[in-house]
Amino acid sequence: MASQIVDRLLQSDEPSVRWRVRAEVLGEAVDSPAMRRLREEVRRSARVSALLNERGRAISVYAKWQGAHWVLAALADLGYPPGDDGLREMAERVQDTWLSDDFYEEFEPASKATVYSRRGVPVMQGRHRRCASQQGNALRSLARLGLTDDQTPKLVERLQHWQWPDGGWNCDKNPAADTSALAETVLPIRGLAAYGSEEAKATAHQAAEVLLTRRLLYRRTDGQLINKEFAKLHYPLYWHYDVLGGLRALSELGEAAIRDDRANDALDLLESKRLEDDGWPAEARYYKKTTDEIALGNDFVHWGGTSTRRLNEWTTLDSLYVLRASGRLSTA
């Protein structure tokens, strides 16, 4: 029963929280007059205003965590209304960055030590060593914000071109690396699912096998936890990976993915983290400080902090969305 926590979220001061719980948990039609009005509240909110900080426009697109790449990703998560031409210039900068000539030039380095001797995409042992989370996250932001254009299919094409035989992606420059990385695979899944073409979704389903064959966070060889951080809840994840991020990706891909039996252990772990007074915590975080000061690791907005005993609205929203998609949630 999740009615208590849903009621609590519906009273949030954050219009984004209210919009997301109504759209993602209660399943309200997003194009209804009431939901469109709520999305306008999101557009005018203090959180959005802080994200669209003018100082952020003068820095690198990928500056962590205040560059345009991350701002668009946050707006996409908040339910910002799609098709806003005011974001077009920012969107074009992001898309142009991840479709630059560097990503069409390939070379075979003689060793790991020579990978950084030139620009382009290194190919080692027949595998493209690319941080596909970058193109994947940009694709997701553009699709969710209604800012795709005739160049956007090239992001899909690049992801398909770089896809490893096991279905995912990895930027590990060790020539012996032959297995996709969860952190480099989860955002391409979300981007391809958001883009929504049949070809993109087929590619995403292939990539989902990287997560599912590991039950989202366990080694295939011995069944042990891959990384202790994978079992913690974070918000935002940015480019990182955890169990909730993996489950969110499968949920966005559809019932066939999130209701696969191989996701059950991860879903059980998520349910076990539910607090006694309802909701889910953020157990750790990847941003250092909330400020408009430009510096590595800073974010323009605060995302609820961390605690093992206190509800975080953002991890709670994602958890409710995942459990609804998996058929494990009752709001009656």
C-alpha atoms as a PDB file:
ATOM      1  CA  MET A   1       0.000   0.000   0.000  1.00  0.00           C
ATOM      2  CA  ALA A   2       1.559   3.296  -1.091  1.00  0.00           C
ATOM      3  CA  SER A   3      -1.381   5.661  -0.620  1.00  0.00           C
ATOM      4  CA  GLN A   4       0.207   7.380   2.393  1.00  0.00           C
ATOM      5  CA  ILE A   5       3.418   8.291   0.608  1.00  0.00           C
ATOM      6  CA  VAL A   6       1.552   9.273  -2.577  1.00  0.00           C
ATOM      7  CA  ASP A   7      -0.626  11.647  -0.549  1.00  0.00           C
ATOM      8  CA  ARG A   8       2.478  13.098   1.044  1.00  0.00           C
ATOM      9  CA  LEU A   9       4.142  13.705  -2.326  1.00  0.00           C
ATOM     10  CA  LEU A  10       1.000  15.328  -3.679  1.00  0.00           C
ATOM     11  CA  GLN A  11       1.399  17.960  -0.953  1.00  0.00           C
ATOM     12  CA  SER A  12       5.014  18.736  -1.871  1.00  0.00           C
ATOM     13  CA  ASP A  13       6.108  22.331  -2.363  1.00  0.00           C
ATOM     14  CA  GLU A  14       7.860  21.183  -5.549  1.00  0.00           C
ATOM     15  CA  PRO A  15       5.578  21.286  -8.615  1.00  0.00           C
ATOM     16  CA  SER A  16       7.907  18.767 -10.282  1.00  0.00           C
ATOM     17  CA  VAL A  17       7.256  16.275  -7.497  1.00  0.00           C
ATOM     18  CA  ARG A  18       3.499  16.738  -7.798  1.00  0.00           C
ATOM     19  CA  TRP A  19       3.650  16.422 -11.587  1.00  0.00           C
ATOM     20  CA  ARG A  20       5.769  13.293 -11.517  1.00  0.00           C
ATOM     21  CA  VAL A  21       3.666  11.468  -8.949  1.00  0.00           C
ATOM     22  CA  ARG A  22       0.510  12.223 -10.900  1.00  0.00           C
ATOM     23  CA  ALA A  23       2.028  11.305 -14.272  1.00  0.00           C
ATOM     24  CA  GLU A  24       4.340   8.432 -13.356  1.00  0.00           C
ATOM     25  CA  VAL A  25       2.653   6.834 -10.366  1.00  0.00           C
ATOM     26  CA  LEU A  26      -1.042   7.620 -10.706  1.00  0.00           C
ATOM     27  CA  GLY A  27      -0.982   7.498 -14.498  1.00  0.00           C
ATOM     28  CA  GLU A  28      -2.799  10.761 -15.216  1.00  0.00           C
ATOM     29  CA  ALA A  29      -2.903  11.864 -18.850  1.00  0.00           C
ATOM     30  CA  VAL A  30      -0.048  14.334 -19.292  1.00  0.00           C
ATOM     31  CA  ASP A  31      -1.938  16.350 -21.916  1.00  0.00           C
ATOM     32  CA  SER A  32      -4.939  17.097 -19.688  1.00  0.00           C
ATOM     33  CA  PRO A  33      -5.566  20.799 -18.908  1.00  0.00           C
ATOM     34  CA  ALA A  34      -4.712  20.279 -15.230  1.00  0.00           C
ATOM     35  CA  MET A  35      -1.437  18.550 -16.012  1.00  0.00           C
ATOM     36  CA  ARG A  36      -0.461  21.184 -18.563  1.00  0.00           C
ATOM     37  CA  ARG A  37      -1.059  23.876 -15.949  1.00  0.00           C
ATOM     38  CA  LEU A  38       1.090  21.952 -13.477  1.00  0.00           C
ATOM     39  CA  ARG A  39       3.865  21.715 -16.036  1.00  0.00           C
ATOM     40  CA  GLU A  40       3.766  25.478 -16.377  1.00  0.00           C
ATOM     41  CA  GLU A  41       4.337  25.650 -12.623  1.00  0.00           C
ATOM     42  CA  VAL A  42       7.394  23.477 -13.189  1.00  0.00           C
ATOM     43  CA  ARG A  43       8.646  25.902 -15.845  1.00  0.00           C
ATOM     44  CA  ARG A  44       8.298  28.857 -13.441  1.00  0.00           C
ATOM     45  CA  SER A  45       9.651  27.054 -10.369  1.00  0.00           C
ATOM     46  CA  ALA A  46      12.633  28.222  -8.338  1.00  0.00           C
ATOM     47  CA  ARG A  47      14.404  24.935  -9.085  1.00  0.00           C
ATOM     48  CA  VAL A  48      14.195  25.451 -12.842  1.00  0.00           C
ATOM     49  CA  SER A  49      15.253  29.076 -12.483  1.00  0.00           C
ATOM     50  CA  ALA A  50      18.354  27.968 -10.563  1.00  0.00           C
ATOM     51  CA  LEU A  51      19.211  25.343 -13.189  1.00  0.00           C
ATOM     52  CA  LEU A  52      18.980  27.902 -15.982  1.00  0.00           C
ATOM     53  CA  ASN A  53      21.676  29.968 -14.306  1.00  0.00           C
ATOM     54  CA  GLU A  54      23.292  32.354 -16.765  1.00  0.00           C
ATOM     55  CA  ARG A  55      26.738  31.462 -15.446  1.00  0.00           C
ATOM     56  CA  GLY A  56      26.230  27.927 -16.707  1.00  0.00           C
ATOM     57  CA  ARG A  57      25.958  29.092 -20.302  1.00  0.00           C
ATOM     58  CA  ALA A  58      29.592  30.212 -20.372  1.00  0.00           C
ATOM     59  CA  ILE A  59      31.135  26.895 -19.323  1.00  0.00           C
ATOM     60  CA  SER A  60      31.822  23.623 -21.078  1.00  0.00           C
ATOM     61  CA  VAL A  61      28.746  21.649 -22.089  1.00  0.00           C
ATOM     62  CA  TYR A  62      29.938  18.684 -20.008  1.00  0.00           C
ATOM     63  CA  ALA A  63      31.238  20.589 -16.948  1.00  0.00           C
ATOM     64  CA  LYS A  64      30.227  18.458 -13.971  1.00  0.00           C
ATOM     65  CA  TRP A  65      27.512  19.074 -12.853  1.00  0.00           C
ATOM     66  CA  GLN A  66      26.593  22.534 -14.151  1.00  0.00           C
ATOM     67  CA  GLY A  67      27.169  22.348 -17.903  1.00  0.00           C
ATOM     68  CA  ALA A  68      24.316  22.373 -20.415  1.00  0.00           C
ATOM     69  CA  HIS A  69      24.451  18.580 -20.757  1.00  0.00           C
ATOM     70  CA  TRP A  70      23.519  18.135 -17.092  1.00  0.00           C
ATOM     71  CA  VAL A  71      21.037  21.012 -17.016  1.00  0.00           C
ATOM     72  CA  LEU A  72      19.023  19.493 -19.860  1.00  0.00           C
ATOM     73  CA  ALA A  73      19.125  16.091 -18.162  1.00  0.00           C
ATOM     74  CA  ALA A  74      17.749  17.595 -14.951  1.00  0.00           C
ATOM     75  CA  LEU A  75      14.992  19.459 -16.789  1.00  0.00           C
ATOM     76  CA  ALA A  76      14.014  16.234 -18.543  1.00  0.00           C
ATOM     77  CA  ASP A  77      13.706  14.510 -15.160  1.00  0.00           C
ATOM     78  CA  LEU A  78      11.661  17.331 -13.649  1.00  0.00           C
ATOM     79  CA  GLY A  79       8.842  17.165 -16.186  1.00  0.00           C
ATOM     80  CA  TYR A  80       9.745  20.475 -17.834  1.00  0.00           C
ATOM     81  CA  PRO A  81       7.246  21.145 -20.648  1.00  0.00           C
ATOM     82  CA  PRO A  82       8.442  19.885 -24.036  1.00  0.00           C
ATOM     83  CA  GLY A  83       9.039  21.964 -27.145  1.00  0.00           C
ATOM     84  CA  ASP A  84      10.357  25.117 -25.456  1.00  0.00           C
ATOM     85  CA  ASP A  85      12.257  27.086 -28.096  1.00  0.00           C
ATOM     86  CA  GLY A  86      13.980  28.963 -25.287  1.00  0.00           C
ATOM     87  CA  LEU A  87      16.039  25.797 -24.715  1.00  0.00           C
ATOM     88  CA  ARG A  88      16.822  25.283 -28.392  1.00  0.00           C
ATOM     89  CA  GLU A  89      20.224  26.989 -28.368  1.00  0.00           C
ATOM     90  CA  MET A  90      21.335  24.943 -25.370  1.00  0.00           C
ATOM     91  CA  ALA A  91      20.047  21.749 -26.960  1.00  0.00           C
ATOM     92  CA  GLU A  92      21.913  22.451 -30.191  1.00  0.00           C
ATOM     93  CA  ARG A  93      25.153  23.022 -28.289  1.00  0.00           C
ATOM     94  CA  VAL A  94      24.778  19.695 -26.535  1.00  0.00           C
ATOM     95  CA  GLN A  95      23.870  17.796 -29.682  1.00  0.00           C
ATOM     96  CA  ASP A  96      26.661  19.397 -31.716  1.00  0.00           C
ATOM     97  CA  THR A  97      29.153  18.471 -29.002  1.00  0.00           C
ATOM     98  CA  TRP A  98      28.280  14.768 -29.127  1.00  0.00           C
ATOM     99  CA  LEU A  99      28.125  14.661 -32.922  1.00  0.00           C
ATOM    100  CA  SER A 100      31.410  16.435 -33.565  1.00  0.00           C
ATOM    101  CA  ASP A 101      33.922  15.069 -36.095  1.00  0.00           C
ATOM    102  CA  ASP A 102      35.872  13.385 -33.275  1.00  0.00           C
ATOM    103  CA  PHE A 103      33.132  10.783 -32.930  1.00  0.00           C
ATOM    104  CA  TYR A 104      33.372   9.767 -36.586  1.00  0.00           C
ATOM    105  CA  GLU A 105      37.140   9.300 -36.613  1.00  0.00           C
ATOM    106  CA  GLU A 106      38.400   5.892 -35.485  1.00  0.00           C
ATOM    107  CA  PHE A 107      41.855   4.504 -34.871  1.00  0.00           C
ATOM    108  CA  GLU A 108      43.484   1.353 -33.501  1.00  0.00           C
ATOM    109  CA  PRO A 109      46.002   2.286 -30.789  1.00  0.00           C
ATOM    110  CA  ALA A 110      49.071   0.125 -30.406  1.00  0.00           C
ATOM    111  CA  SER A 111      48.595   0.000 -26.627  1.00  0.00           C
ATOM    112  CA  LYS A 112      46.612   1.508 -23.761  1.00  0.00           C
ATOM    113  CA  ALA A 113      49.415   4.029 -23.278  1.00  0.00           C
ATOM    114  CA  THR A 114      48.881   5.442 -26.771  1.00  0.00           C
ATOM    115  CA  VAL A 115      45.091   5.820 -26.592  1.00  0.00           C
ATOM    116  CA  TYR A 116      45.271   9.499 -25.669  1.00  0.00           C
ATOM    117  CA  SER A 117      47.899  10.390 -28.240  1.00  0.00           C
ATOM    118  CA  ARG A 118      45.285  11.513 -30.743  1.00  0.00           C
ATOM    119  CA  ARG A 119      41.635  12.475 -31.059  1.00  0.00           C
ATOM    120  CA  GLY A 120      38.952  10.096 -32.194  1.00  0.00           C
ATOM    121  CA  VAL A 121      37.342   6.841 -31.043  1.00  0.00           C
ATOM    122  CA  PRO A 122      39.818   4.086 -30.185  1.00  0.00           C
ATOM    123  CA  VAL A 123      38.976   0.594 -31.400  1.00  0.00           C
ATOM    124  CA  MET A 124      40.681  -2.209 -29.468  1.00  0.00           C
ATOM    125  CA  GLN A 125      40.135  -5.895 -30.070  1.00  0.00           C
ATOM    126  CA  GLY A 126      37.335  -4.932 -32.436  1.00  0.00           C
ATOM    127  CA  ARG A 127      35.429  -2.962 -29.766  1.00  0.00           C
ATOM    128  CA  HIS A 128      34.816   0.797 -29.771  1.00  0.00           C
ATOM    129  CA  ARG A 129      35.965   2.287 -26.469  1.00  0.00           C
ATOM    130  CA  ARG A 130      33.386   5.066 -26.103  1.00  0.00           C
ATOM    131  CA  CYS A 131      31.654   6.620 -23.097  1.00  0.00           C
ATOM    132  CA  ALA A 132      28.263   6.082 -24.691  1.00  0.00           C
ATOM    133  CA  SER A 133      26.560   7.481 -21.584  1.00  0.00           C
ATOM    134  CA  GLN A 134      27.272  10.905 -23.090  1.00  0.00           C
ATOM    135  CA  GLN A 135      25.404  10.350 -26.353  1.00  0.00           C
ATOM    136  CA  GLY A 136      22.779   8.278 -24.545  1.00  0.00           C
ATOM    137  CA  ASN A 137      22.008  10.932 -21.964  1.00  0.00           C
ATOM    138  CA  ALA A 138      21.875  13.677 -24.607  1.00  0.00           C
ATOM    139  CA  LEU A 139      19.454  11.591 -26.666  1.00  0.00           C
ATOM    140  CA  ARG A 140      17.242  11.055 -23.616  1.00  0.00           C
ATOM    141  CA  SER A 141      17.178  14.769 -22.750  1.00  0.00           C
ATOM    142  CA  LEU A 142      16.393  15.894 -26.291  1.00  0.00           C
ATOM    143  CA  ALA A 143      13.624  13.323 -26.707  1.00  0.00           C
ATOM    144  CA  ARG A 144      11.927  14.008 -23.372  1.00  0.00           C
ATOM    145  CA  LEU A 145      12.146  17.771 -23.834  1.00  0.00           C
ATOM    146  CA  GLY A 146      10.741  17.668 -27.366  1.00  0.00           C
ATOM    147  CA  LEU A 147      13.924  19.177 -28.805  1.00  0.00           C
ATOM    148  CA  THR A 148      14.911  16.551 -31.370  1.00  0.00           C
ATOM    149  CA  ASP A 149      15.640  17.635 -34.937  1.00  0.00           C
ATOM    150  CA  ASP A 150      16.861  16.116 -38.189  1.00  0.00           C
ATOM    151  CA  GLN A 151      20.334  15.607 -36.673  1.00  0.00           C
ATOM    152  CA  THR A 152      19.155  13.600 -33.659  1.00  0.00           C
ATOM    153  CA  PRO A 153      18.954  10.239 -35.491  1.00  0.00           C
ATOM    154  CA  LYS A 154      22.738  10.468 -35.771  1.00  0.00           C
ATOM    155  CA  LEU A 155      22.962   9.959 -31.995  1.00  0.00           C
ATOM    156  CA  VAL A 156      21.032   6.717 -32.414  1.00  0.00           C
ATOM    157  CA  GLU A 157      23.293   5.684 -35.282  1.00  0.00           C
ATOM    158  CA  ARG A 158      26.457   6.351 -33.268  1.00  0.00           C
ATOM    159  CA  LEU A 159      25.167   4.265 -30.351  1.00  0.00           C
ATOM    160  CA  GLN A 160      24.342   1.406 -32.699  1.00  0.00           C
ATOM    161  CA  HIS A 161      27.715   1.695 -34.419  1.00  0.00           C
ATOM    162  CA  TRP A 162      29.611   1.488 -31.117  1.00  0.00           C
ATOM    163  CA  GLN A 163      27.482  -1.269 -29.544  1.00  0.00           C
ATOM    164  CA  TRP A 164      29.504  -4.220 -28.225  1.00  0.00           C
ATOM    165  CA  PRO A 165      28.669  -7.865 -29.040  1.00  0.00           C
ATOM    166  CA  ASP A 166      27.051  -8.389 -25.625  1.00  0.00           C
ATOM    167  CA  GLY A 167      24.682  -5.477 -26.292  1.00  0.00           C
ATOM    168  CA  GLY A 168      26.142  -2.632 -24.265  1.00  0.00           C
ATOM    169  CA  TRP A 169      29.010  -0.144 -24.274  1.00  0.00           C
ATOM    170  CA  ASN A 170      32.281   0.464 -22.462  1.00  0.00           C
ATOM    171  CA  CYS A 171      35.050   3.070 -22.611  1.00  0.00           C
ATOM    172  CA  ASP A 172      37.633   0.922 -20.804  1.00  0.00           C
ATOM    173  CA  LYS A 173      40.953   1.397 -22.585  1.00  0.00           C
ATOM    174  CA  ASN A 174      42.327  -1.918 -21.350  1.00  0.00           C
ATOM    175  CA  PRO A 175      42.566  -4.051 -24.505  1.00  0.00           C
ATOM    176  CA  ALA A 176      41.552  -7.112 -22.486  1.00  0.00           C
ATOM    177  CA  ALA A 177      38.204  -5.574 -21.480  1.00  0.00           C
ATOM    178  CA  ASP A 178      35.543  -7.531 -23.365  1.00  0.00           C
ATOM    179  CA  THR A 179      32.374  -6.930 -21.309  1.00  0.00           C
ATOM    180  CA  SER A 180      30.070  -3.909 -21.371  1.00  0.00           C
ATOM    181  CA  ALA A 181      29.924  -1.602 -18.353  1.00  0.00           C
ATOM    182  CA  LEU A 182      26.647  -1.024 -16.513  1.00  0.00           C
ATOM    183  CA  ALA A 183      27.341   2.705 -16.110  1.00  0.00           C
ATOM    184  CA  GLU A 184      27.973   3.149 -19.834  1.00  0.00           C
ATOM    185  CA  THR A 185      24.956   1.064 -20.829  1.00  0.00           C
ATOM    186  CA  VAL A 186      22.109   2.346 -18.652  1.00  0.00           C
ATOM    187  CA  LEU A 187      21.870   5.854 -20.157  1.00  0.00           C
ATOM    188  CA  PRO A 188      21.907   4.629 -23.773  1.00  0.00           C
ATOM    189  CA  ILE A 189      19.010   2.327 -22.833  1.00  0.00           C
ATOM    190  CA  ARG A 190      17.078   5.290 -21.450  1.00  0.00           C
ATOM    191  CA  GLY A 191      17.931   7.502 -24.421  1.00  0.00           C
ATOM    192  CA  LEU A 192      16.955   4.906 -27.009  1.00  0.00           C
ATOM    193  CA  ALA A 193      13.732   4.107 -25.136  1.00  0.00           C
ATOM    194  CA  ALA A 194      12.833   7.802 -24.952  1.00  0.00           C
ATOM    195  CA  TYR A 195      13.550   8.318 -28.648  1.00  0.00           C
ATOM    196  CA  GLY A 196      11.080   5.543 -29.257  1.00  0.00           C
ATOM    197  CA  SER A 197      11.608   4.392 -32.837  1.00  0.00           C
ATOM    198  CA  GLU A 198      11.276   0.649 -33.347  1.00  0.00           C
ATOM    199  CA  GLU A 199      14.924   0.427 -34.343  1.00  0.00           C
ATOM    200  CA  ALA A 200      16.045   2.374 -31.273  1.00  0.00           C
ATOM    201  CA  LYS A 201      13.916   0.254 -28.938  1.00  0.00           C
ATOM    202  CA  ALA A 202      15.287  -2.952 -30.473  1.00  0.00           C
ATOM    203  CA  THR A 203      18.810  -1.713 -29.766  1.00  0.00           C
ATOM    204  CA  ALA A 204      17.803  -0.848 -26.199  1.00  0.00           C
ATOM    205  CA  HIS A 205      16.356  -4.327 -25.616  1.00  0.00           C
ATOM    206  CA  GLN A 206      19.667  -5.852 -26.730  1.00  0.00           C
ATOM    207  CA  ALA A 207      21.444  -3.582 -24.254  1.00  0.00           C
ATOM    208  CA  ALA A 208      19.039  -4.525 -21.462  1.00  0.00           C
ATOM    209  CA  GLU A 209      20.573  -7.999 -21.505  1.00  0.00           C
ATOM    210  CA  VAL A 210      23.757  -6.479 -20.059  1.00  0.00           C
ATOM    211  CA  LEU A 211      21.748  -5.539 -16.962  1.00  0.00           C
ATOM    212  CA  LEU A 212      19.509  -8.582 -16.811  1.00  0.00           C
ATOM    213  CA  THR A 213      22.237 -11.196 -17.152  1.00  0.00           C
ATOM    214  CA  ARG A 214      23.775  -9.634 -14.026  1.00  0.00           C
ATOM    215  CA  ARG A 215      20.439  -9.353 -12.201  1.00  0.00           C
ATOM    216  CA  LEU A 216      21.262  -5.621 -12.368  1.00  0.00           C
ATOM    217  CA  LEU A 217      24.089  -5.620  -9.822  1.00  0.00           C
ATOM    218  CA  TYR A 218      25.608  -9.081  -9.352  1.00  0.00           C
ATOM    219  CA  ARG A 219      28.528 -10.820 -11.049  1.00  0.00           C
ATOM    220  CA  ARG A 220      27.636 -13.566 -13.470  1.00  0.00           C
ATOM    221  CA  THR A 221      30.621 -15.630 -12.349  1.00  0.00           C
ATOM    222  CA  ASP A 222      30.041 -15.939  -8.607  1.00  0.00           C
ATOM    223  CA  GLY A 223      26.775 -14.074  -7.920  1.00  0.00           C
ATOM    224  CA  GLN A 224      28.491 -11.511  -5.689  1.00  0.00           C
ATOM    225  CA  LEU A 225      27.754  -7.779  -5.643  1.00  0.00           C
ATOM    226  CA  ILE A 226      29.741  -6.066  -8.405  1.00  0.00           C
ATOM    227  CA  ASN A 227      30.244  -2.781  -6.548  1.00  0.00           C
ATOM    228  CA  LYS A 228      28.935  -1.742  -3.131  1.00  0.00           C
ATOM    229  CA  GLU A 229      27.807   1.614  -4.555  1.00  0.00           C
ATOM    230  CA  PHE A 230      25.449  -0.228  -6.912  1.00  0.00           C
ATOM    231  CA  ALA A 231      23.383  -1.316  -3.897  1.00  0.00           C
ATOM    232  CA  LYS A 232      22.953   2.246  -2.581  1.00  0.00           C
ATOM    233  CA  LEU A 233      20.351   4.797  -3.691  1.00  0.00           C
ATOM    234  CA  HIS A 234      21.669   8.085  -5.124  1.00  0.00           C
ATOM    235  CA  TYR A 235      20.076  11.173  -6.658  1.00  0.00           C
ATOM    236  CA  PRO A 236      20.937  12.427  -9.173  1.00  0.00           C
ATOM    237  CA  LEU A 237      22.994   9.614 -10.670  1.00  0.00           C
ATOM    238  CA  TYR A 238      24.460  11.831 -13.421  1.00  0.00           C
ATOM    239  CA  TRP A 239      26.504   9.245 -15.385  1.00  0.00           C
ATOM    240  CA  HIS A 240      26.882   6.766 -12.524  1.00  0.00           C
ATOM    241  CA  TYR A 241      24.999   3.517 -11.893  1.00  0.00           C
ATOM    242  CA  ASP A 242      23.008   2.019  -9.056  1.00  0.00           C
ATOM    243  CA  VAL A 243      20.211  -0.511  -8.655  1.00  0.00           C
ATOM    244  CA  LEU A 244      17.483   2.123  -8.866  1.00  0.00           C
ATOM    245  CA  GLY A 245      18.985   3.627 -12.015  1.00  0.00           C
ATOM    246  CA  GLY A 246      19.077   0.211 -13.644  1.00  0.00           C
ATOM    247  CA  LEU A 247      15.490  -0.540 -12.658  1.00  0.00           C
ATOM    248  CA  ARG A 248      14.379   2.866 -13.913  1.00  0.00           C
ATOM    249  CA  ALA A 249      15.948   2.161 -17.305  1.00  0.00           C
ATOM    250  CA  LEU A 250      14.188  -1.199 -17.613  1.00  0.00           C
ATOM    251  CA  SER A 251      10.884   0.383 -16.552  1.00  0.00           C
ATOM    252  CA  GLU A 252      11.151   3.028 -19.259  1.00  0.00           C
ATOM    253  CA  LEU A 253      11.877   0.315 -21.803  1.00  0.00           C
ATOM    254  CA  GLY A 254       8.628  -1.480 -21.010  1.00  0.00           C
ATOM    255  CA  GLU A 255       6.972  -4.368 -19.189  1.00  0.00           C
ATOM    256  CA  ALA A 256       8.924  -7.069 -21.002  1.00  0.00           C
ATOM    257  CA  ALA A 257      12.138  -5.681 -19.516  1.00  0.00           C
ATOM    258  CA  ILE A 258      11.130  -4.694 -15.983  1.00  0.00           C
ATOM    259  CA  ARG A 259       8.953  -7.790 -15.454  1.00  0.00           C
ATOM    260  CA  ASP A 260      11.694 -10.158 -16.549  1.00  0.00           C
ATOM    261  CA  ASP A 261      12.328 -12.638 -13.715  1.00  0.00           C
ATOM    262  CA  ARG A 262      15.996 -11.644 -13.680  1.00  0.00           C
ATOM    263  CA  ALA A 263      14.997  -8.229 -12.278  1.00  0.00           C
ATOM    264  CA  ASN A 264      13.329  -9.730  -9.204  1.00  0.00           C
ATOM    265  CA  ASP A 265      16.372  -9.726  -6.915  1.00  0.00           C
ATOM    266  CA  ALA A 266      16.977  -6.045  -7.637  1.00  0.00           C
ATOM    267  CA  LEU A 267      13.305  -5.250  -7.049  1.00  0.00           C
ATOM    268  CA  ASP A 268      13.435  -7.139  -3.754  1.00  0.00           C
ATOM    269  CA  LEU A 269      16.472  -5.091  -2.728  1.00  0.00           C
ATOM    270  CA  LEU A 270      14.687  -1.853  -3.610  1.00  0.00           C
ATOM    271  CA  GLU A 271      11.606  -2.825  -1.615  1.00  0.00           C
ATOM    272  CA  SER A 272      13.801  -3.721   1.362  1.00  0.00           C
ATOM    273  CA  LYS A 273      15.073  -0.126   1.464  1.00  0.00           C
ATOM    274  CA  ARG A 274      11.632   1.337   2.052  1.00  0.00           C
ATOM    275  CA  LEU A 275      11.545   3.347   5.278  1.00  0.00           C
ATOM    276  CA  GLU A 276       9.217   2.490   8.130  1.00  0.00           C
ATOM    277  CA  ASP A 277       7.416   5.811   7.794  1.00  0.00           C
ATOM    278  CA  ASP A 278       7.179   5.260   4.019  1.00  0.00           C
ATOM    279  CA  GLY A 279       9.310   6.438   1.157  1.00  0.00           C
ATOM    280  CA  TRP A 280      12.922   5.809   0.215  1.00  0.00           C
ATOM    281  CA  PRO A 281      16.138   7.589   1.235  1.00  0.00           C
ATOM    282  CA  ALA A 282      19.056   8.846  -0.807  1.00  0.00           C
ATOM    283  CA  GLU A 283      21.886   6.933   0.835  1.00  0.00           C
ATOM    284  CA  ALA A 284      24.735   8.690  -0.968  1.00  0.00           C
ATOM    285  CA  ARG A 285      25.254  11.443  -3.523  1.00  0.00           C
ATOM    286  CA  TYR A 286      27.600  12.506  -6.311  1.00  0.00           C
ATOM    287  CA  TYR A 287      27.303  16.303  -6.048  1.00  0.00           C
ATOM    288  CA  LYS A 288      29.528  18.111  -3.574  1.00  0.00           C
ATOM    289  CA  LYS A 289      27.838  21.438  -2.977  1.00  0.00           C
ATOM    290  CA  THR A 290      24.753  23.385  -4.049  1.00  0.00           C
ATOM    291  CA  THR A 291      25.790  26.806  -5.344  1.00  0.00           C
ATOM    292  CA  ASP A 292      25.950  28.997  -8.424  1.00  0.00           C
ATOM    293  CA  GLU A 293      29.716  29.020  -7.997  1.00  0.00           C
ATOM    294  CA  ILE A 294      31.206  27.160 -10.961  1.00  0.00           C
ATOM    295  CA  ALA A 295      33.427  24.337  -9.759  1.00  0.00           C
ATOM    296  CA  LEU A 296      33.920  20.633 -10.360  1.00  0.00           C
ATOM    297  CA  GLY A 297      31.274  18.610  -8.523  1.00  0.00           C
ATOM    298  CA  ASN A 298      28.944  21.524  -7.752  1.00  0.00           C
ATOM    299  CA  ASP A 299      25.265  21.548  -8.720  1.00  0.00           C
ATOM    300  CA  PHE A 300      23.024  24.565  -9.117  1.00  0.00           C
ATOM    301  CA  VAL A 301      20.265  22.954  -7.023  1.00  0.00           C
ATOM    302  CA  HIS A 302      19.924  20.795  -3.922  1.00  0.00           C
ATOM    303  CA  TRP A 303      18.415  17.339  -4.373  1.00  0.00           C
ATOM    304  CA  GLY A 304      17.306  16.572  -0.854  1.00  0.00           C
ATOM    305  CA  GLY A 305      20.573  15.517   0.720  1.00  0.00           C
ATOM    306  CA  THR A 306      21.401  12.074   2.061  1.00  0.00           C
ATOM    307  CA  SER A 307      20.238  10.013   5.007  1.00  0.00           C
ATOM    308  CA  THR A 308      19.586   6.351   5.715  1.00  0.00           C
ATOM    309  CA  ARG A 309      16.488   7.222   7.759  1.00  0.00           C
ATOM    310  CA  ARG A 310      14.887  10.200   6.014  1.00  0.00           C
ATOM    311  CA  LEU A 311      12.760  10.200   2.883  1.00  0.00           C
ATOM    312  CA  ASN A 312      14.181  11.763  -0.257  1.00  0.00           C
ATOM    313  CA  GLU A 313      11.408  12.854  -2.627  1.00  0.00           C
ATOM    314  CA  TRP A 314      13.401  12.125  -5.784  1.00  0.00           C
ATOM    315  CA  THR A 315      14.490   8.576  -4.965  1.00  0.00           C
ATOM    316  CA  THR A 316      10.982   7.931  -3.672  1.00  0.00           C
ATOM    317  CA  LEU A 317       9.451   9.064  -6.975  1.00  0.00           C
ATOM    318  CA  ASP A 318      11.776   6.814  -8.956  1.00  0.00           C
ATOM    319  CA  SER A 319      11.097   3.892  -6.627  1.00  0.00           C
ATOM    320  CA  LEU A 320       7.328   4.272  -6.902  1.00  0.00           C
ATOM    321  CA  TYR A 321       7.588   4.531 -10.698  1.00  0.00           C
ATOM    322  CA  VAL A 322       9.645   1.340 -10.879  1.00  0.00           C
ATOM    323  CA  LEU A 323       7.370  -0.608  -8.561  1.00  0.00           C
ATOM    324  CA  ARG A 324       4.303   0.498 -10.501  1.00  0.00           C
ATOM    325  CA  ALA A 325       5.892  -0.550 -13.786  1.00  0.00           C
ATOM    326  CA  SER A 326       6.894  -3.913 -12.313  1.00  0.00           C
ATOM    327  CA  GLY A 327       3.377  -4.599 -10.996  1.00  0.00           C
ATOM    328  CA  ARG A 328       4.460  -4.489  -7.368  1.00  0.00           C
ATOM    329  CA  LEU A 329       2.738  -1.257  -6.329  1.00  0.00           C
ATOM    330  CA  SER A 330      -0.724  -0.694  -4.953  1.00  0.00           C
ATOM    331  CA  THR A 331      -1.930   2.877  -4.370  1.00  0.00           C
ATOM    332  CA  ALA A 332      -5.417   1.865  -3.257  1.00  0.00           C
END
